[in-house]
C-alpha cells in the first residue's frame, strides 16, 4: 500500500471517529462540505446519512471544460497537438488546444 492510500485511509477513519464523537456529544454534524481532494468524503456522508456538498475550488472555466469535455472529447483529442486548432465550447471564449 502506498503512502497516499495509507494516509487517505487513516484520514477517513479519523473523520468517521469525529462524526461519531460529535453525535454522541449532542452536537451532531448535519452537512459535510468537501472538495475534489477528498472524494471519499461523499462516501462517508452517505454512510452516515448526512447531506453533503462539493465545494468547487477551481475556476468556473475549468468546470465548464470538464462539463463539456465528454461531448467534445473526440474533437479535442484529434486536434490537441495542432497549436492552430481552436475549439468553441458553449459559454466560453474560443480556446486553443494549448489552453486545454
PDB file of N, CA and C in Angstrom:
ATOM      1  N   UNK A   1       0.853  -1.173   0.000  1.00  0.00           N
ATOM      2  CA  UNK A   1       0.000   0.000   0.000  1.00  0.00           C
ATOM      3  C   UNK A   1       0.900   1.239   0.000  1.00  0.00           C
ATOM      4  N   UNK A   2       0.623   2.180  -0.905  1.00  0.00           N
ATOM      5  CA  UNK A   2       1.459   3.372  -0.955  1.00  0.00           C
ATOM      6  C   UNK A   2       1.068   4.373   0.135  1.00  0.00           C
ATOM      7  N   UNK A   3       1.913   5.361   0.342  1.00  0.00           N
ATOM      8  CA  UNK A   3       1.702   6.336   1.420  1.00  0.00           C
ATOM      9  C   UNK A   3       0.430   7.147   1.219  1.00  0.00           C
ATOM     10  N   UNK A   4       0.120   7.494  -0.032  1.00  0.00           N
ATOM     11  CA  UNK A   4      -1.077   8.295  -0.308  1.00  0.00           C
ATOM     12  C   UNK A   4      -2.330   7.529   0.102  1.00  0.00           C
ATOM     13  N   UNK A   5      -2.402   6.261  -0.264  1.00  0.00           N
ATOM     14  CA  UNK A   5      -3.561   5.450   0.082  1.00  0.00           C
ATOM     15  C   UNK A   5      -3.640   5.249   1.596  1.00  0.00           C
ATOM     16  N   UNK A   6      -2.518   4.986   2.224  1.00  0.00           N
ATOM     17  CA  UNK A   6      -2.495   4.795   3.676  1.00  0.00           C
ATOM     18  C   UNK A   6      -2.950   6.056   4.390  1.00  0.00           C
ATOM     19  N   UNK A   7      -2.486   7.195   3.926  1.00  0.00           N
ATOM     20  CA  UNK A   7      -2.885   8.474   4.521  1.00  0.00           C
ATOM     21  C   UNK A   7      -4.379   8.709   4.345  1.00  0.00           C
ATOM     22  N   UNK A   8      -4.896   8.399   3.157  1.00  0.00           N
ATOM     23  CA  UNK A   8      -6.321   8.570   2.888  1.00  0.00           C
ATOM     24  C   UNK A   8      -7.167   7.676   3.786  1.00  0.00           C
ATOM     25  N   UNK A   9      -6.753   6.424   3.944  1.00  0.00           N
ATOM     26  CA  UNK A   9      -7.499   5.505   4.809  1.00  0.00           C
ATOM     27  C   UNK A   9      -7.470   5.958   6.260  1.00  0.00           C
ATOM     28  N   UNK A  10      -6.325   6.428   6.728  1.00  0.00           N
ATOM     29  CA  UNK A  10      -6.205   6.912   8.098  1.00  0.00           C
ATOM     30  C   UNK A  10      -7.083   8.141   8.307  1.00  0.00           C
ATOM     31  N   UNK A  11      -7.053   9.070   7.359  1.00  0.00           N
ATOM     32  CA  UNK A  11      -7.868  10.278   7.462  1.00  0.00           C
ATOM     33  C   UNK A  11      -9.343   9.925   7.456  1.00  0.00           C
ATOM     34  N   UNK A  12      -9.745   9.009   6.582  1.00  0.00           N
ATOM     35  CA  UNK A  12     -11.146   8.596   6.520  1.00  0.00           C
ATOM     36  C   UNK A  12     -11.580   8.010   7.862  1.00  0.00           C
ATOM     37  N   UNK A  13     -10.742   7.181   8.458  1.00  0.00           N
ATOM     38  CA  UNK A  13     -11.060   6.568   9.755  1.00  0.00           C
ATOM     39  C   UNK A  13     -11.200   7.636  10.839  1.00  0.00           C
ATOM     40  N   UNK A  14     -10.289   8.601  10.857  1.00  0.00           N
ATOM     41  CA  UNK A  14     -10.348   9.682  11.845  1.00  0.00           C
ATOM     42  C   UNK A  14     -11.609  10.515  11.664  1.00  0.00           C
ATOM     43  N   UNK A  15     -11.994  10.773  10.408  1.00  0.00           N
ATOM     44  CA  UNK A  15     -13.194  11.560  10.165  1.00  0.00           C
ATOM     45  C   UNK A  15     -14.445  10.827  10.618  1.00  0.00           C
ATOM     46  N   UNK A  16     -14.499   9.526  10.433  1.00  0.00           N
ATOM     47  CA  UNK A  16     -15.635   8.744  10.932  1.00  0.00           C
ATOM     48  C   UNK A  16     -15.700   8.838  12.448  1.00  0.00           C
ATOM     49  N   UNK A  17     -14.539   8.729  13.099  1.00  0.00           N
ATOM     50  CA  UNK A  17     -14.498   8.847  14.556  1.00  0.00           C
ATOM     51  C   UNK A  17     -14.984  10.225  15.002  1.00  0.00           C
ATOM     52  N   UNK A  18     -14.612  11.260  14.274  1.00  0.00           N
ATOM     53  CA  UNK A  18     -15.048  12.620  14.591  1.00  0.00           C
ATOM     54  C   UNK A  18     -16.562  12.742  14.477  1.00  0.00           C
ATOM     55  N   UNK A  19     -17.142  12.176  13.420  1.00  0.00           N
ATOM     56  CA  UNK A  19     -18.596  12.220  13.243  1.00  0.00           C
ATOM     57  C   UNK A  19     -19.315  11.538  14.400  1.00  0.00           C
ATOM     58  N   UNK A  20     -18.833  10.381  14.780  1.00  0.00           N
ATOM     59  CA  UNK A  20     -19.449   9.631  15.882  1.00  0.00           C
ATOM     60  C   UNK A  20     -19.309  10.408  17.188  1.00  0.00           C
ATOM     61  N   UNK A  21     -18.139  10.979  17.442  1.00  0.00           N
ATOM     62  CA  UNK A  21     -17.913  11.738  18.680  1.00  0.00           C
ATOM     63  C   UNK A  21     -18.838  12.947  18.763  1.00  0.00           C
ATOM     64  N   UNK A  22     -19.027  13.646  17.660  1.00  0.00           N
ATOM     65  CA  UNK A  22     -19.932  14.802  17.665  1.00  0.00           C
ATOM     66  C   UNK A  22     -21.370  14.368  17.906  1.00  0.00           C
ATOM     67  N   UNK A  23     -21.782  13.275  17.320  1.00  0.00           N
ATOM     68  CA  UNK A  23     -23.150  12.779  17.510  1.00  0.00           C
ATOM     69  C   UNK A  23     -23.384  12.394  18.966  1.00  0.00           C
ATOM     70  N   UNK A  24     -22.409  11.763  19.581  1.00  0.00           N
ATOM     71  CA  UNK A  24     -22.537  11.363  20.989  1.00  0.00           C
ATOM     72  C   UNK A  24     -22.491  12.569  21.919  1.00  0.00           C
ATOM     73  N   UNK A  25     -21.830  13.626  21.512  1.00  0.00           N
ATOM     74  CA  UNK A  25     -21.710  14.830  22.330  1.00  0.00           C
ATOM     75  C   UNK A  25     -22.861  15.799  22.127  1.00  0.00           C
ATOM     76  N   UNK A  26     -23.920  15.373  21.484  1.00  0.00           N
ATOM     77  CA  UNK A  26     -25.127  16.177  21.247  1.00  0.00           C
ATOM     78  C   UNK A  26     -24.857  17.412  20.388  1.00  0.00           C
ATOM     79  N   UNK A  27     -23.812  17.363  19.594  1.00  0.00           N
ATOM     80  CA  UNK A  27     -23.530  18.410  18.612  1.00  0.00           C
ATOM     81  C   UNK A  27     -23.283  17.728  17.272  1.00  0.00           C
ATOM     82  N   UNK A  28     -24.316  17.082  16.744  1.00  0.00           N
ATOM     83  CA  UNK A  28     -24.112  16.291  15.523  1.00  0.00           C
ATOM     84  C   UNK A  28     -23.762  17.164  14.318  1.00  0.00           C
ATOM     85  N   UNK A  29     -22.973  16.604  13.463  1.00  0.00           N
ATOM     86  CA  UNK A  29     -22.659  17.249  12.191  1.00  0.00           C
ATOM     87  C   UNK A  29     -23.798  16.897  11.240  1.00  0.00           C
ATOM     88  N   UNK A  30     -24.369  17.909  10.594  1.00  0.00           N
ATOM     89  CA  UNK A  30     -25.537  17.670   9.742  1.00  0.00           C
ATOM     90  C   UNK A  30     -25.238  17.793   8.249  1.00  0.00           C
ATOM     91  N   UNK A  31     -24.102  18.367   7.902  1.00  0.00           N
ATOM     92  CA  UNK A  31     -23.739  18.511   6.494  1.00  0.00           C
ATOM     93  C   UNK A  31     -22.221  18.449   6.373  1.00  0.00           C
ATOM     94  N   UNK A  32     -21.760  17.747   5.369  1.00  0.00           N
ATOM     95  CA  UNK A  32     -20.328  17.598   5.138  1.00  0.00           C
ATOM     96  C   UNK A  32     -19.972  18.279   3.820  1.00  0.00           C
ATOM     97  N   UNK A  33     -19.118  19.286   3.881  1.00  0.00           N
ATOM     98  CA  UNK A  33     -18.663  20.002   2.693  1.00  0.00           C
ATOM     99  C   UNK A  33     -17.260  19.491   2.368  1.00  0.00           C
ATOM    100  N   UNK A  34     -17.046  19.106   1.114  1.00  0.00           N
ATOM    101  CA  UNK A  34     -15.760  18.530   0.726  1.00  0.00           C
ATOM    102  C   UNK A  34     -15.314  19.075  -0.623  1.00  0.00           C
ATOM    103  N   UNK A  35     -14.068  18.821  -0.978  1.00  0.00           N
ATOM    104  CA  UNK A  35     -13.512  19.259  -2.262  1.00  0.00           C
ATOM    105  C   UNK A  35     -13.078  18.036  -3.070  1.00  0.00           C
ATOM    106  N   UNK A  36     -12.597  18.294  -4.266  1.00  0.00           N
ATOM    107  CA  UNK A  36     -12.103  17.211  -5.125  1.00  0.00           C
ATOM    108  C   UNK A  36     -10.926  16.481  -4.499  1.00  0.00           C
ATOM    109  N   UNK A  37     -10.252  17.120  -3.553  1.00  0.00           N
ATOM    110  CA  UNK A  37      -9.095  16.500  -2.917  1.00  0.00           C
ATOM    111  C   UNK A  37      -9.496  15.389  -1.955  1.00  0.00           C
ATOM    112  N   UNK A  38     -10.767  15.352  -1.553  1.00  0.00           N
ATOM    113  CA  UNK A  38     -11.265  14.337  -0.616  1.00  0.00           C
ATOM    114  C   UNK A  38     -12.495  13.636  -1.194  1.00  0.00           C
ATOM    115  N   UNK A  39     -12.353  12.936  -2.312  1.00  0.00           N
ATOM    116  CA  UNK A  39     -13.523  12.336  -2.956  1.00  0.00           C
ATOM    117  C   UNK A  39     -14.235  11.302  -2.093  1.00  0.00           C
ATOM    118  N   UNK A  40     -13.528  10.683  -1.161  1.00  0.00           N
ATOM    119  CA  UNK A  40     -14.132   9.678  -0.296  1.00  0.00           C
ATOM    120  C   UNK A  40     -15.071  10.297   0.732  1.00  0.00           C
ATOM    121  N   UNK A  41     -15.011  11.613   0.922  1.00  0.00           N
ATOM    122  CA  UNK A  41     -15.863  12.266   1.921  1.00  0.00           C
ATOM    123  C   UNK A  41     -17.348  12.078   1.598  1.00  0.00           C
ATOM    124  N   UNK A  42     -17.695  12.044   0.324  1.00  0.00           N
ATOM    125  CA  UNK A  42     -19.091  11.821  -0.061  1.00  0.00           C
ATOM    126  C   UNK A  42     -19.548  10.432   0.370  1.00  0.00           C
ATOM    127  N   UNK A  43     -18.658   9.443   0.282  1.00  0.00           N
ATOM    128  CA  UNK A  43     -18.992   8.084   0.734  1.00  0.00           C
ATOM    129  C   UNK A  43     -19.238   8.061   2.239  1.00  0.00           C
ATOM    130  N   UNK A  44     -18.415   8.774   2.990  1.00  0.00           N
ATOM    131  CA  UNK A  44     -18.594   8.848   4.444  1.00  0.00           C
ATOM    132  C   UNK A  44     -19.934   9.509   4.759  1.00  0.00           C
ATOM    133  N   UNK A  45     -20.262  10.592   4.057  1.00  0.00           N
ATOM    134  CA  UNK A  45     -21.535  11.281   4.276  1.00  0.00           C
ATOM    135  C   UNK A  45     -22.709  10.344   3.994  1.00  0.00           C
ATOM    136  N   UNK A  46     -22.644   9.596   2.900  1.00  0.00           N
ATOM    137  CA  UNK A  46     -23.717   8.644   2.582  1.00  0.00           C
ATOM    138  C   UNK A  46     -23.838   7.576   3.656  1.00  0.00           C
ATOM    139  N   UNK A  47     -22.702   7.074   4.107  1.00  0.00           N
ATOM    140  CA  UNK A  47     -22.705   6.020   5.121  1.00  0.00           C
ATOM    141  C   UNK A  47     -23.399   6.480   6.404  1.00  0.00           C
ATOM    142  N   UNK A  48     -23.218   7.754   6.758  1.00  0.00           N
ATOM    143  CA  UNK A  48     -23.817   8.288   7.982  1.00  0.00           C
ATOM    144  C   UNK A  48     -25.090   9.084   7.711  1.00  0.00           C
ATOM    145  N   UNK A  49     -25.606   8.987   6.489  1.00  0.00           N
ATOM    146  CA  UNK A  49     -26.845   9.642   6.073  1.00  0.00           C
ATOM    147  C   UNK A  49     -26.808  11.146   6.333  1.00  0.00           C
ATOM    148  N   UNK A  50     -25.691  11.752   5.962  1.00  0.00           N
ATOM    149  CA  UNK A  50     -25.520  13.196   6.079  1.00  0.00           C
ATOM    150  C   UNK A  50     -25.675  13.839   4.711  1.00  0.00           C
ATOM    151  N   UNK A  51     -26.175  15.060   4.704  1.00  0.00           N
ATOM    152  CA  UNK A  51     -26.159  15.816   3.466  1.00  0.00           C
ATOM    153  C   UNK A  51     -24.710  16.164   3.171  1.00  0.00           C
ATOM    154  N   UNK A  52     -24.381  16.261   1.894  1.00  0.00           N
ATOM    155  CA  UNK A  52     -23.019  16.639   1.531  1.00  0.00           C
ATOM    156  C   UNK A  52     -23.062  17.601   0.356  1.00  0.00           C
ATOM    157  N   UNK A  53     -22.020  18.412   0.263  1.00  0.00           N
ATOM    158  CA  UNK A  53     -21.925  19.381  -0.823  1.00  0.00           C
ATOM    159  C   UNK A  53     -20.482  19.443  -1.298  1.00  0.00           C
ATOM    160  N   UNK A  54     -20.317  19.420  -2.605  1.00  0.00           N
ATOM    161  CA  UNK A  54     -18.995  19.555  -3.203  1.00  0.00           C
ATOM    162  C   UNK A  54     -18.675  21.036  -3.321  1.00  0.00           C
ATOM    163  N   UNK A  55     -17.578  21.468  -2.733  1.00  0.00           N
ATOM    164  CA  UNK A  55     -17.105  22.842  -2.857  1.00  0.00           C
ATOM    165  C   UNK A  55     -16.110  22.868  -4.009  1.00  0.00           C
ATOM    166  N   UNK A  56     -16.502  23.498  -5.110  1.00  0.00           N
ATOM    167  CA  UNK A  56     -15.658  23.536  -6.300  1.00  0.00           C
ATOM    168  C   UNK A  56     -14.581  24.589  -6.093  1.00  0.00           C
ATOM    169  N   UNK A  57     -13.318  24.180  -6.049  1.00  0.00           N
ATOM    170  CA  UNK A  57     -12.228  25.100  -5.731  1.00  0.00           C
ATOM    171  C   UNK A  57     -11.410  25.501  -6.953  1.00  0.00           C
ATOM    172  N   UNK A  58     -11.903  25.162  -8.126  1.00  0.00           N
ATOM    173  CA  UNK A  58     -11.208  25.536  -9.353  1.00  0.00           C
ATOM    174  C   UNK A  58     -12.018  26.616 -10.061  1.00  0.00           C
ATOM    175  N   UNK A  59     -11.410  27.340 -10.996  1.00  0.00           N
ATOM    176  CA  UNK A  59     -12.136  28.374 -11.723  1.00  0.00           C
ATOM    177  C   UNK A  59     -13.343  27.794 -12.469  1.00  0.00           C
ATOM    178  N   UNK A  60     -14.366  28.624 -12.653  1.00  0.00           N
ATOM    179  CA  UNK A  60     -15.583  28.194 -13.347  1.00  0.00           C
ATOM    180  C   UNK A  60     -15.282  27.741 -14.770  1.00  0.00           C
ATOM    181  N   UNK A  61     -14.277  28.314 -15.387  1.00  0.00           N
ATOM    182  CA  UNK A  61     -13.895  27.902 -16.739  1.00  0.00           C
ATOM    183  C   UNK A  61     -13.491  26.436 -16.761  1.00  0.00           C
ATOM    184  N   UNK A  62     -12.751  26.002 -15.758  1.00  0.00           N
ATOM    185  CA  UNK A  62     -12.339  24.597 -15.675  1.00  0.00           C
ATOM    186  C   UNK A  62     -13.573  23.710 -15.512  1.00  0.00           C
ATOM    187  N   UNK A  63     -14.527  24.155 -14.699  1.00  0.00           N
ATOM    188  CA  UNK A  63     -15.772  23.410 -14.515  1.00  0.00           C
ATOM    189  C   UNK A  63     -16.488  23.247 -15.857  1.00  0.00           C
ATOM    190  N   UNK A  64     -16.573  24.327 -16.631  1.00  0.00           N
ATOM    191  CA  UNK A  64     -17.206  24.261 -17.952  1.00  0.00           C
ATOM    192  C   UNK A  64     -16.475  23.284 -18.870  1.00  0.00           C
ATOM    193  N   UNK A  65     -15.157  23.342 -18.872  1.00  0.00           N
ATOM    194  CA  UNK A  65     -14.384  22.436 -19.732  1.00  0.00           C
ATOM    195  C   UNK A  65     -14.640  20.990 -19.330  1.00  0.00           C
ATOM    196  N   UNK A  66     -14.633  20.690 -18.031  1.00  0.00           N
ATOM    197  CA  UNK A  66     -14.942  19.329 -17.572  1.00  0.00           C
ATOM    198  C   UNK A  66     -16.343  18.917 -18.014  1.00  0.00           C
ATOM    199  N   UNK A  67     -17.294  19.835 -17.869  1.00  0.00           N
ATOM    200  CA  UNK A  67     -18.689  19.533 -18.191  1.00  0.00           C
ATOM    201  C   UNK A  67     -18.851  19.191 -19.671  1.00  0.00           C
ATOM    202  N   UNK A  68     -18.242  19.983 -20.532  1.00  0.00           N
ATOM    203  CA  UNK A  68     -18.427  19.790 -21.969  1.00  0.00           C
ATOM    204  C   UNK A  68     -17.450  18.805 -22.592  1.00  0.00           C
ATOM    205  N   UNK A  69     -16.417  18.423 -21.877  1.00  0.00           N
ATOM    206  CA  UNK A  69     -15.388  17.548 -22.447  1.00  0.00           C
ATOM    207  C   UNK A  69     -15.980  16.269 -23.018  1.00  0.00           C
ATOM    208  N   UNK A  70     -16.952  15.673 -22.322  1.00  0.00           N
ATOM    209  CA  UNK A  70     -17.497  14.394 -22.796  1.00  0.00           C
ATOM    210  C   UNK A  70     -18.150  14.518 -24.167  1.00  0.00           C
ATOM    211  N   UNK A  71     -18.706  15.665 -24.481  1.00  0.00           N
ATOM    212  CA  UNK A  71     -19.331  15.846 -25.783  1.00  0.00           C
ATOM    213  C   UNK A  71     -18.354  16.246 -26.876  1.00  0.00           C
ATOM    214  N   UNK A  72     -17.187  16.722 -26.472  1.00  0.00           N
ATOM    215  CA  UNK A  72     -16.210  17.225 -27.434  1.00  0.00           C
ATOM    216  C   UNK A  72     -14.881  16.485 -27.362  1.00  0.00           C
ATOM    217  N   UNK A  73     -14.832  15.396 -26.630  1.00  0.00           N
ATOM    218  CA  UNK A  73     -13.548  14.720 -26.402  1.00  0.00           C
ATOM    219  C   UNK A  73     -12.879  14.276 -27.704  1.00  0.00           C
ATOM    220  N   UNK A  74     -13.657  13.832 -28.671  1.00  0.00           N
ATOM    221  CA  UNK A  74     -13.067  13.385 -29.935  1.00  0.00           C
ATOM    222  C   UNK A  74     -12.402  14.553 -30.666  1.00  0.00           C
ATOM    223  N   UNK A  75     -13.086  15.693 -30.708  1.00  0.00           N
ATOM    224  CA  UNK A  75     -12.528  16.882 -31.364  1.00  0.00           C
ATOM    225  C   UNK A  75     -11.251  17.323 -30.655  1.00  0.00           C
ATOM    226  N   UNK A  76     -11.296  17.343 -29.320  1.00  0.00           N
ATOM    227  CA  UNK A  76     -10.131  17.766 -28.537  1.00  0.00           C
ATOM    228  C   UNK A  76      -8.970  16.801 -28.748  1.00  0.00           C
ATOM    229  N   UNK A  77      -9.227  15.511 -28.634  1.00  0.00           N
ATOM    230  CA  UNK A  77      -8.154  14.517 -28.778  1.00  0.00           C
ATOM    231  C   UNK A  77      -7.552  14.504 -30.181  1.00  0.00           C
ATOM    232  N   UNK A  78      -8.388  14.711 -31.197  1.00  0.00           N
ATOM    233  CA  UNK A  78      -7.892  14.703 -32.576  1.00  0.00           C
ATOM    234  C   UNK A  78      -7.019  15.919 -32.888  1.00  0.00           C
ATOM    235  N   UNK A  79      -7.229  17.020 -32.172  1.00  0.00           N
ATOM    236  CA  UNK A  79      -6.545  18.265 -32.519  1.00  0.00           C
ATOM    237  C   UNK A  79      -5.633  18.810 -31.422  1.00  0.00           C
ATOM    238  N   UNK A  80      -5.402  18.051 -30.379  1.00  0.00           N
ATOM    239  CA  UNK A  80      -4.647  18.548 -29.229  1.00  0.00           C
ATOM    240  C   UNK A  80      -3.214  18.947 -29.588  1.00  0.00           C
ATOM    241  N   UNK A  81      -2.619  18.296 -30.576  1.00  0.00           N
ATOM    242  CA  UNK A  81      -1.231  18.612 -30.938  1.00  0.00           C
ATOM    243  C   UNK A  81      -1.127  19.710 -31.997  1.00  0.00           C
ATOM    244  N   UNK A  82      -2.257  20.169 -32.524  1.00  0.00           N
ATOM    245  CA  UNK A  82      -2.257  21.230 -33.533  1.00  0.00           C
ATOM    246  C   UNK A  82      -2.421  22.583 -32.836  1.00  0.00           C
ATOM    247  N   UNK A  83      -1.349  23.391 -32.729  1.00  0.00           N
ATOM    248  CA  UNK A  83      -1.436  24.652 -31.995  1.00  0.00           C
ATOM    249  C   UNK A  83      -2.361  25.683 -32.640  1.00  0.00           C
ATOM    250  N   UNK A  84      -2.686  25.509 -33.921  1.00  0.00           N
ATOM    251  CA  UNK A  84      -3.565  26.472 -34.587  1.00  0.00           C
ATOM    252  C   UNK A  84      -5.041  26.107 -34.443  1.00  0.00           C
ATOM    253  N   UNK A  85      -5.324  24.930 -33.928  1.00  0.00           N
ATOM    254  CA  UNK A  85      -6.707  24.478 -33.789  1.00  0.00           C
ATOM    255  C   UNK A  85      -7.410  25.248 -32.667  1.00  0.00           C
ATOM    256  N   UNK A  86      -8.632  25.670 -32.936  1.00  0.00           N
ATOM    257  CA  UNK A  86      -9.447  26.344 -31.928  1.00  0.00           C
ATOM    258  C   UNK A  86     -10.700  25.526 -31.677  1.00  0.00           C
ATOM    259  N   UNK A  87     -11.152  25.553 -30.442  1.00  0.00           N
ATOM    260  CA  UNK A  87     -12.359  24.818 -30.070  1.00  0.00           C
ATOM    261  C   UNK A  87     -13.308  25.785 -29.385  1.00  0.00           C
ATOM    262  N   UNK A  88     -14.557  25.786 -29.821  1.00  0.00           N
ATOM    263  CA  UNK A  88     -15.570  26.653 -29.225  1.00  0.00           C
ATOM    264  C   UNK A  88     -16.477  25.790 -28.366  1.00  0.00           C
ATOM    265  N   UNK A  89     -16.420  26.018 -27.056  1.00  0.00           N
ATOM    266  CA  UNK A  89     -17.313  25.345 -26.119  1.00  0.00           C
ATOM    267  C   UNK A  89     -18.375  26.343 -25.687  1.00  0.00           C
ATOM    268  N   UNK A  90     -19.612  25.906 -25.488  1.00  0.00           N
ATOM    269  CA  UNK A  90     -20.686  26.822 -25.114  1.00  0.00           C
ATOM    270  C   UNK A  90     -20.340  27.647 -23.869  1.00  0.00           C
ATOM    271  N   UNK A  91     -20.565  28.958 -23.967  1.00  0.00           N
ATOM    272  CA  UNK A  91     -20.369  29.845 -22.825  1.00  0.00           C
ATOM    273  C   UNK A  91     -18.936  30.238 -22.552  1.00  0.00           C
ATOM    274  N   UNK A  92     -18.001  29.795 -23.398  1.00  0.00           N
ATOM    275  CA  UNK A  92     -16.586  30.107 -23.183  1.00  0.00           C
ATOM    276  C   UNK A  92     -16.014  30.811 -24.404  1.00  0.00           C
ATOM    277  N   UNK A  93     -14.956  31.586 -24.213  1.00  0.00           N
ATOM    278  CA  UNK A  93     -14.297  32.178 -25.378  1.00  0.00           C
ATOM    279  C   UNK A  93     -13.628  31.078 -26.202  1.00  0.00           C
ATOM    280  N   UNK A  94     -13.241  31.423 -27.390  1.00  0.00           N
ATOM    281  CA  UNK A  94     -12.556  30.476 -28.264  1.00  0.00           C
ATOM    282  C   UNK A  94     -11.284  29.983 -27.577  1.00  0.00           C
ATOM    283  N   UNK A  95     -11.107  28.669 -27.508  1.00  0.00           N
ATOM    284  CA  UNK A  95      -9.958  28.071 -26.828  1.00  0.00           C
ATOM    285  C   UNK A  95      -9.028  27.420 -27.839  1.00  0.00           C
ATOM    286  N   UNK A  96      -7.747  27.618 -27.660  1.00  0.00           N
ATOM    287  CA  UNK A  96      -6.734  26.934 -28.466  1.00  0.00           C
ATOM    288  C   UNK A  96      -6.431  25.601 -27.792  1.00  0.00           C
ATOM    289  N   UNK A  97      -5.900  24.663 -28.564  1.00  0.00           N
ATOM    290  CA  UNK A  97      -5.594  23.353 -27.986  1.00  0.00           C
ATOM    291  C   UNK A  97      -4.625  23.478 -26.814  1.00  0.00           C
ATOM    292  N   UNK A  98      -3.713  24.450 -26.860  1.00  0.00           N
ATOM    293  CA  UNK A  98      -2.764  24.639 -25.756  1.00  0.00           C
ATOM    294  C   UNK A  98      -3.462  25.106 -24.477  1.00  0.00           C
ATOM    295  N   UNK A  99      -4.658  25.704 -24.591  1.00  0.00           N
ATOM    296  CA  UNK A  99      -5.420  26.131 -23.414  1.00  0.00           C
ATOM    297  C   UNK A  99      -5.985  24.939 -22.660  1.00  0.00           C
ATOM    298  N   UNK A 100      -6.149  23.830 -23.377  1.00  0.00           N
ATOM    299  CA  UNK A 100      -6.743  22.654 -22.760  1.00  0.00           C
ATOM    300  C   UNK A 100      -5.678  21.771 -22.171  1.00  0.00           C
TER     301      UNK A 100
END
